Amino acid sequence: MHLLSSNGRCAAARAGHDGAPFGVLTQAIAHLGEEIARRVSEAKVIANISVKFGGCFTSSRVYR
């Protein structure tokens, strides 16, 4: 995502004033990349907590 938005900014700079809408698009792509990275980090934290506490609910005994 970062590379894509960087390439977009370069292309918009080369386009001059006409590239302004393209710059807005690349900014949106950059924000999307940041949001995805944040969500991935949150998912990793949740997964780690699940693994840590998952063992608390398992037992070698089977109740019938």
PDB file of N, CA and C in Angstrom:
ATOM      1  N   MET A   1       0.826  -1.184   0.000  1.00  0.00           N
ATOM      2  CA  MET A   1       0.000   0.000   0.000  1.00  0.00           C
ATOM      3  C   MET A   1       0.874   1.253   0.000  1.00  0.00           C
ATOM      4  N   HIS A   2       1.930   1.227   0.831  1.00  0.00           N
ATOM      5  CA  HIS A   2       2.801   2.397   0.899  1.00  0.00           C
ATOM      6  C   HIS A   2       3.447   2.672  -0.453  1.00  0.00           C
ATOM      7  N   LEU A   3       3.931   1.623  -1.099  1.00  0.00           N
ATOM      8  CA  LEU A   3       4.565   1.787  -2.407  1.00  0.00           C
ATOM      9  C   LEU A   3       3.563   2.305  -3.433  1.00  0.00           C
ATOM     10  N   LEU A   4       2.351   1.780  -3.388  1.00  0.00           N
ATOM     11  CA  LEU A   4       1.313   2.219  -4.319  1.00  0.00           C
ATOM     12  C   LEU A   4       1.005   3.695  -4.130  1.00  0.00           C
ATOM     13  N   SER A   5       0.857   4.130  -2.883  1.00  0.00           N
ATOM     14  CA  SER A   5       0.553   5.539  -2.648  1.00  0.00           C
ATOM     15  C   SER A   5       1.745   6.421  -2.983  1.00  0.00           C
ATOM     16  N   SER A   6       2.972   5.938  -2.749  1.00  0.00           N
ATOM     17  CA  SER A   6       4.166   6.708  -3.111  1.00  0.00           C
ATOM     18  C   SER A   6       4.243   6.896  -4.616  1.00  0.00           C
ATOM     19  N   ASN A   7       3.991   5.834  -5.355  1.00  0.00           N
ATOM     20  CA  ASN A   7       3.987   5.932  -6.815  1.00  0.00           C
ATOM     21  C   ASN A   7       2.904   6.894  -7.281  1.00  0.00           C
ATOM     22  N   GLY A   8       1.772   6.863  -6.622  1.00  0.00           N
ATOM     23  CA  GLY A   8       0.683   7.759  -6.972  1.00  0.00           C
ATOM     24  C   GLY A   8       1.045   9.212  -6.729  1.00  0.00           C
ATOM     25  N   ARG A   9       1.703   9.491  -5.608  1.00  0.00           N
ATOM     26  CA  ARG A   9       2.123  10.866  -5.314  1.00  0.00           C
ATOM     27  C   ARG A   9       3.123  11.357  -6.357  1.00  0.00           C
ATOM     28  N   CYS A  10       4.039  10.499  -6.758  1.00  0.00           N
ATOM     29  CA  CYS A  10       5.020  10.875  -7.782  1.00  0.00           C
ATOM     30  C   CYS A  10       4.325  11.187  -9.103  1.00  0.00           C
ATOM     31  N   ALA A  11       3.381  10.347  -9.469  1.00  0.00           N
ATOM     32  CA  ALA A  11       2.651  10.563 -10.719  1.00  0.00           C
ATOM     33  C   ALA A  11       1.832  11.850 -10.642  1.00  0.00           C
ATOM     34  N   ALA A  12       1.218  12.120  -9.496  1.00  0.00           N
ATOM     35  CA  ALA A  12       0.425  13.333  -9.330  1.00  0.00           C
ATOM     36  C   ALA A  12       1.322  14.565  -9.395  1.00  0.00           C
ATOM     37  N   ALA A  13       2.502  14.487  -8.804  1.00  0.00           N
ATOM     38  CA  ALA A  13       3.438  15.614  -8.852  1.00  0.00           C
ATOM     39  C   ALA A  13       3.861  15.895 -10.287  1.00  0.00           C
ATOM     40  N   ARG A  14       4.097  14.835 -11.057  1.00  0.00           N
ATOM     41  CA  ARG A  14       4.468  15.025 -12.456  1.00  0.00           C
ATOM     42  C   ARG A  14       3.310  15.615 -13.255  1.00  0.00           C
ATOM     43  N   ALA A  15       2.080  15.286 -12.866  1.00  0.00           N
ATOM     44  CA  ALA A  15       0.910  15.759 -13.596  1.00  0.00           C
ATOM     45  C   ALA A  15       0.605  17.220 -13.297  1.00  0.00           C
ATOM     46  N   GLY A  16       1.183  17.764 -12.241  1.00  0.00           N
ATOM     47  CA  GLY A  16       0.948  19.160 -11.879  1.00  0.00           C
ATOM     48  C   GLY A  16      -0.442  19.356 -11.307  1.00  0.00           C
ATOM     49  N   HIS A  17      -1.039  20.500 -11.601  1.00  0.00           N
ATOM     50  CA  HIS A  17      -2.355  20.848 -11.053  1.00  0.00           C
ATOM     51  C   HIS A  17      -3.422  19.845 -11.464  1.00  0.00           C
ATOM     52  N   ASP A  18      -3.292  19.300 -12.656  1.00  0.00           N
ATOM     53  CA  ASP A  18      -4.271  18.320 -13.137  1.00  0.00           C
ATOM     54  C   ASP A  18      -4.219  17.025 -12.336  1.00  0.00           C
ATOM     55  N   GLY A  19      -3.140  16.806 -11.622  1.00  0.00           N
ATOM     56  CA  GLY A  19      -2.992  15.578 -10.843  1.00  0.00           C
ATOM     57  C   GLY A  19      -3.591  15.660  -9.451  1.00  0.00           C
ATOM     58  N   ALA A  20      -4.209  16.796  -9.098  1.00  0.00           N
ATOM     59  CA  ALA A  20      -4.769  16.981  -7.749  1.00  0.00           C
ATOM     60  C   ALA A  20      -5.767  15.885  -7.370  1.00  0.00           C
ATOM     61  N   PRO A  21      -6.740  15.546  -8.224  1.00  0.00           N
ATOM     62  CA  PRO A  21      -7.665  14.467  -7.839  1.00  0.00           C
ATOM     63  C   PRO A  21      -6.938  13.138  -7.638  1.00  0.00           C
ATOM     64  N   PHE A  22      -5.902  12.913  -8.424  1.00  0.00           N
ATOM     65  CA  PHE A  22      -5.134  11.680  -8.279  1.00  0.00           C
ATOM     66  C   PHE A  22      -4.415  11.665  -6.932  1.00  0.00           C
ATOM     67  N   GLY A  23      -3.962  12.832  -6.484  1.00  0.00           N
ATOM     68  CA  GLY A  23      -3.315  12.937  -5.175  1.00  0.00           C
ATOM     69  C   GLY A  23      -4.277  12.593  -4.045  1.00  0.00           C
ATOM     70  N   VAL A  24      -5.529  13.019  -4.193  1.00  0.00           N
ATOM     71  CA  VAL A  24      -6.551  12.702  -3.190  1.00  0.00           C
ATOM     72  C   VAL A  24      -6.763  11.194  -3.142  1.00  0.00           C
ATOM     73  N   LEU A  25      -6.785  10.572  -4.305  1.00  0.00           N
ATOM     74  CA  LEU A  25      -6.957   9.125  -4.363  1.00  0.00           C
ATOM     75  C   LEU A  25      -5.791   8.407  -3.688  1.00  0.00           C
ATOM     76  N   THR A  26      -4.584   8.853  -3.955  1.00  0.00           N
ATOM     77  CA  THR A  26      -3.428   8.182  -3.334  1.00  0.00           C
ATOM     78  C   THR A  26      -3.408   8.401  -1.831  1.00  0.00           C
ATOM     79  N   GLN A  27      -3.896   9.552  -1.380  1.00  0.00           N
ATOM     80  CA  GLN A  27      -3.994   9.793   0.056  1.00  0.00           C
ATOM     81  C   GLN A  27      -5.005   8.821   0.680  1.00  0.00           C
ATOM     82  N   ALA A  28      -6.100   8.592  -0.005  1.00  0.00           N
ATOM     83  CA  ALA A  28      -7.104   7.638   0.484  1.00  0.00           C
ATOM     84  C   ALA A  28      -6.519   6.227   0.528  1.00  0.00           C
ATOM     85  N   ILE A  29      -5.717   5.878  -0.469  1.00  0.00           N
ATOM     86  CA  ILE A  29      -5.072   4.560  -0.477  1.00  0.00           C
ATOM     87  C   ILE A  29      -4.118   4.437   0.703  1.00  0.00           C
ATOM     88  N   ALA A  30      -3.377   5.498   0.990  1.00  0.00           N
ATOM     89  CA  ALA A  30      -2.451   5.482   2.131  1.00  0.00           C
ATOM     90  C   ALA A  30      -3.214   5.288   3.441  1.00  0.00           C
ATOM     91  N   HIS A  31      -4.340   6.009   3.596  1.00  0.00           N
ATOM     92  CA  HIS A  31      -5.153   5.864   4.813  1.00  0.00           C
ATOM     93  C   HIS A  31      -5.721   4.450   4.923  1.00  0.00           C
ATOM     94  N   LEU A  32      -6.127   3.888   3.806  1.00  0.00           N
ATOM     95  CA  LEU A  32      -6.629   2.515   3.800  1.00  0.00           C
ATOM     96  C   LEU A  32      -5.539   1.547   4.245  1.00  0.00           C
ATOM     97  N   GLY A  33      -4.333   1.740   3.754  1.00  0.00           N
ATOM     98  CA  GLY A  33      -3.210   0.890   4.161  1.00  0.00           C
ATOM     99  C   GLY A  33      -2.938   0.982   5.652  1.00  0.00           C
ATOM    100  N   GLU A  34      -3.020   2.195   6.196  1.00  0.00           N
ATOM    101  CA  GLU A  34      -2.822   2.389   7.636  1.00  0.00           C
ATOM    102  C   GLU A  34      -3.922   1.694   8.428  1.00  0.00           C
ATOM    103  N   GLU A  35      -5.152   1.798   7.972  1.00  0.00           N
ATOM    104  CA  GLU A  35      -6.281   1.152   8.651  1.00  0.00           C
ATOM    105  C   GLU A  35      -6.138  -0.371   8.623  1.00  0.00           C
ATOM    106  N   ILE A  36      -5.719  -0.904   7.499  1.00  0.00           N
ATOM    107  CA  ILE A  36      -5.509  -2.349   7.385  1.00  0.00           C
ATOM    108  C   ILE A  36      -4.419  -2.793   8.343  1.00  0.00           C
ATOM    109  N   ALA A  37      -3.326  -2.047   8.410  1.00  0.00           N
ATOM    110  CA  ALA A  37      -2.226  -2.392   9.320  1.00  0.00           C
ATOM    111  C   ALA A  37      -2.707  -2.370  10.771  1.00  0.00           C
ATOM    112  N   ARG A  38      -3.532  -1.368  11.118  1.00  0.00           N
ATOM    113  CA  ARG A  38      -4.070  -1.289  12.481  1.00  0.00           C
ATOM    114  C   ARG A  38      -4.954  -2.492  12.798  1.00  0.00           C
ATOM    115  N   ARG A  39      -5.807  -2.855  11.846  1.00  0.00           N
ATOM    116  CA  ARG A  39      -6.715  -3.989  12.056  1.00  0.00           C
ATOM    117  C   ARG A  39      -5.952  -5.306  12.164  1.00  0.00           C
ATOM    118  N   VAL A  40      -4.895  -5.466  11.376  1.00  0.00           N
ATOM    119  CA  VAL A  40      -4.070  -6.679  11.452  1.00  0.00           C
ATOM    120  C   VAL A  40      -3.416  -6.763  12.825  1.00  0.00           C
ATOM    121  N   SER A  41      -2.913  -5.640  13.323  1.00  0.00           N
ATOM    122  CA  SER A  41      -2.300  -5.624  14.658  1.00  0.00           C
ATOM    123  C   SER A  41      -3.319  -6.001  15.729  1.00  0.00           C
ATOM    124  N   GLU A  42      -4.525  -5.457  15.622  1.00  0.00           N
ATOM    125  CA  GLU A  42      -5.577  -5.801  16.579  1.00  0.00           C
ATOM    126  C   GLU A  42      -5.916  -7.290  16.517  1.00  0.00           C
ATOM    127  N   ALA A  43      -5.983  -7.831  15.315  1.00  0.00           N
ATOM    128  CA  ALA A  43      -6.298  -9.254  15.159  1.00  0.00           C
ATOM    129  C   ALA A  43      -5.211 -10.124  15.771  1.00  0.00           C
ATOM    130  N   LYS A  44      -3.955  -9.707  15.634  1.00  0.00           N
ATOM    131  CA  LYS A  44      -2.851 -10.463  16.237  1.00  0.00           C
ATOM    132  C   LYS A  44      -2.950 -10.465  17.752  1.00  0.00           C
ATOM    133  N   VAL A  45      -3.307  -9.326  18.317  1.00  0.00           N
ATOM    134  CA  VAL A  45      -3.464  -9.240  19.775  1.00  0.00           C
ATOM    135  C   VAL A  45      -4.591 -10.164  20.230  1.00  0.00           C
ATOM    136  N   ILE A  46      -5.711 -10.116  19.541  1.00  0.00           N
ATOM    137  CA  ILE A  46      -6.848 -10.970  19.894  1.00  0.00           C
ATOM    138  C   ILE A  46      -6.473 -12.443  19.758  1.00  0.00           C
ATOM    139  N   ALA A  47      -5.746 -12.795  18.706  1.00  0.00           N
ATOM    140  CA  ALA A  47      -5.328 -14.187  18.505  1.00  0.00           C
ATOM    141  C   ALA A  47      -4.408 -14.635  19.631  1.00  0.00           C
ATOM    142  N   ASN A  48      -3.470 -13.766  20.030  1.00  0.00           N
ATOM    143  CA  ASN A  48      -2.551 -14.122  21.118  1.00  0.00           C
ATOM    144  C   ASN A  48      -3.289 -14.309  22.434  1.00  0.00           C
ATOM    145  N   ILE A  49      -4.246 -13.440  22.707  1.00  0.00           N
ATOM    146  CA  ILE A  49      -5.042 -13.581  23.934  1.00  0.00           C
ATOM    147  C   ILE A  49      -5.845 -14.875  23.886  1.00  0.00           C
ATOM    148  N   SER A  50      -6.412 -15.186  22.735  1.00  0.00           N
ATOM    149  CA  SER A  50      -7.195 -16.417  22.587  1.00  0.00           C
ATOM    150  C   SER A  50      -6.333 -17.646  22.844  1.00  0.00           C
ATOM    151  N   VAL A  51      -5.119 -17.628  22.343  1.00  0.00           N
ATOM    152  CA  VAL A  51      -4.216 -18.761  22.541  1.00  0.00           C
ATOM    153  C   VAL A  51      -3.852 -18.890  24.014  1.00  0.00           C
ATOM    154  N   LYS A  52      -3.572 -17.755  24.668  1.00  0.00           N
ATOM    155  CA  LYS A  52      -3.188 -17.785  26.082  1.00  0.00           C
ATOM    156  C   LYS A  52      -4.309 -18.312  26.959  1.00  0.00           C
ATOM    157  N   PHE A  53      -5.521 -17.837  26.714  1.00  0.00           N
ATOM    158  CA  PHE A  53      -6.645 -18.217  27.561  1.00  0.00           C
ATOM    159  C   PHE A  53      -7.365 -19.465  27.082  1.00  0.00           C
ATOM    160  N   GLY A  54      -7.075 -19.902  25.880  1.00  0.00           N
ATOM    161  CA  GLY A  54      -7.715 -21.102  25.348  1.00  0.00           C
ATOM    162  C   GLY A  54      -7.404 -22.331  26.171  1.00  0.00           C
ATOM    163  N   GLY A  55      -6.207 -22.410  26.715  1.00  0.00           N
ATOM    164  CA  GLY A  55      -5.813 -23.554  27.542  1.00  0.00           C
ATOM    165  C   GLY A  55      -6.560 -23.620  28.852  1.00  0.00           C
ATOM    166  N   CYS A  56      -7.128 -22.515  29.289  1.00  0.00           N
ATOM    167  CA  CYS A  56      -7.861 -22.486  30.558  1.00  0.00           C
ATOM    168  C   CYS A  56      -9.170 -23.262  30.469  1.00  0.00           C
ATOM    169  N   PHE A  57      -9.671 -23.415  29.270  1.00  0.00           N
ATOM    170  CA  PHE A  57     -10.984 -24.019  29.111  1.00  0.00           C
ATOM    171  C   PHE A  57     -10.927 -25.455  28.634  1.00  0.00           C
ATOM    172  N   THR A  58      -9.733 -25.982  28.483  1.00  0.00           N
ATOM    173  CA  THR A  58      -9.607 -27.374  28.067  1.00  0.00           C
ATOM    174  C   THR A  58      -9.255 -28.210  29.280  1.00  0.00           C
ATOM    175  N   SER A  59      -9.650 -29.435  29.230  1.00  0.00           N
ATOM    176  CA  SER A  59      -9.388 -30.338  30.348  1.00  0.00           C
ATOM    177  C   SER A  59      -9.138 -31.721  29.801  1.00  0.00           C
ATOM    178  N   SER A  60      -8.288 -32.456  30.508  1.00  0.00           N
ATOM    179  CA  SER A  60      -8.039 -33.841  30.074  1.00  0.00           C
ATOM    180  C   SER A  60      -9.187 -34.740  30.484  1.00  0.00           C
ATOM    181  N   ARG A  61     -10.043 -34.267  31.387  1.00  0.00           N
ATOM    182  CA  ARG A  61     -11.179 -35.059  31.818  1.00  0.00           C
ATOM    183  C   ARG A  61     -12.380 -34.772  30.930  1.00  0.00           C
ATOM    184  N   VAL A  62     -13.091 -35.794  30.621  1.00  0.00           N
ATOM    185  CA  VAL A  62     -14.284 -35.644  29.805  1.00  0.00           C
ATOM    186  C   VAL A  62     -15.486 -35.926  30.718  1.00  0.00           C
ATOM    187  N   TYR A  63     -16.391 -34.952  30.778  1.00  0.00           N
ATOM    188  CA  TYR A  63     -17.575 -35.107  31.604  1.00  0.00           C
ATOM    189  C   TYR A  63     -18.723 -35.589  30.742  1.00  0.00           C
ATOM    190  N   ARG A  64     -19.414 -36.624  31.227  1.00  0.00           N
ATOM    191  CA  ARG A  64     -20.555 -37.168  30.493  1.00  0.00           C
ATOM    192  C   ARG A  64     -21.763 -37.194  31.368  1.00  0.00           C
TER     193      ARG A  64
END
